[in-house]
Amino acid sequence: MNLNKYLWVSDEVKQALAENRPVVALESTIISHGMPYPQNVETALLVEQTVRESGAVPATIAIIAGKISVGITKDQIEYLGKKGLGVTKASRRDLPVLLSRGEDGATTVATTMIGAALAGIKVFATGGIGGVHRGAETTMDISADLEELAQTDVTVVCAGAKSILDLGLTLEYLETKGVTVIGYGTEELPAFYCRKSGFKVDYRLDKAEEIAAAIHVKNECGLSGGLLVTNPIPEEFAMDEAEMTAQIDKAVAMASELGIKGKEITPFLLDKIKTLTEGRSLEANIKLVLNNARLGAAIAKALCSI
């Protein structure tokens, strides 16, 4: 298997991994599909800075010219941000064609996990994971993120599943796939913009060291798949649950009327929710990503010390 043709890892990330220093993987869909330019680039660089200030090396991952690129440069982040929606939103299914054609792609949670695992990175911080979409009992619309968590050995730190999803079915799916869902300082699954969802996680752990210990034991026992760490948005930035439920319901109804589905549904809903909340949901999104970056760095540091 000649991975060198399809995988590029920055010298900084390579050196940190070789020296057993903490590295945190970061996704690139948030750059191209998550928010407009230049806010997308500013946010991506701020997340990297937050990881560094928290004592770890950031490794933003993207598909650049047909290579899974781990630890992309500031110029490459700028390039993805300017190209925006012109960059393919790349999940696992897109990799063979994008790599063979030498094209670009913004990595979803699933593809970022793949890139991190290939590079040897154990911790990945993101905003929220994909999950089981509302109405999936008829549409079968279930994010590839969940399947990736079941098979790829990377711990994902997030603010729960996006609240546009069916959170109960998402947890059921993860349970079926044997993915441990940990609540950081909480027994309840966070709902992205909101701290609570009404659904319980598998375990509450209050320290990064406890989470690192669980990762270590999983690795020692040869258990496949990742761990999901859910980290509630800080209280001062959280949005009102009743308001968000109402706005999400409106956005979902709009998507249904327009026949929007598949990989287009999440960016559409997030954009509509941003409009309906007058931009407050976007600000909350940025704050929760930064919060997850700090926790991801703390877990990566604790894991390196074991």
Foldseek 3Di string as FASTA:
>chain_A
DPQVLAAAEDPVLLVCVVVLFFEAEEFFCCQQQVDAPPVSLVLVVVLQVLLVVLRHHYWYWWQAQLHTYTRDDSVVSVVSNVCHPVAAADAPVCNVVCNVRRHIHTYALRVSLVNCQVSVHAEYEYEAHFAAAPPCVPVVDGDCNLVSQLAGRHEYEYQYHALLGDRVVRQVSNVVSVAAEEEAQDQARGHRLANHDPHGGPYYDHALLVVLVVSVVCVVVVRGGYYYYHYHQPPVLHDDPVVLVVQSVVQVVVCVVVVDDDPRSVSSSSVSSCVVVVNSSVVSSSRRSSVRSSSRSRNSNSNSVD
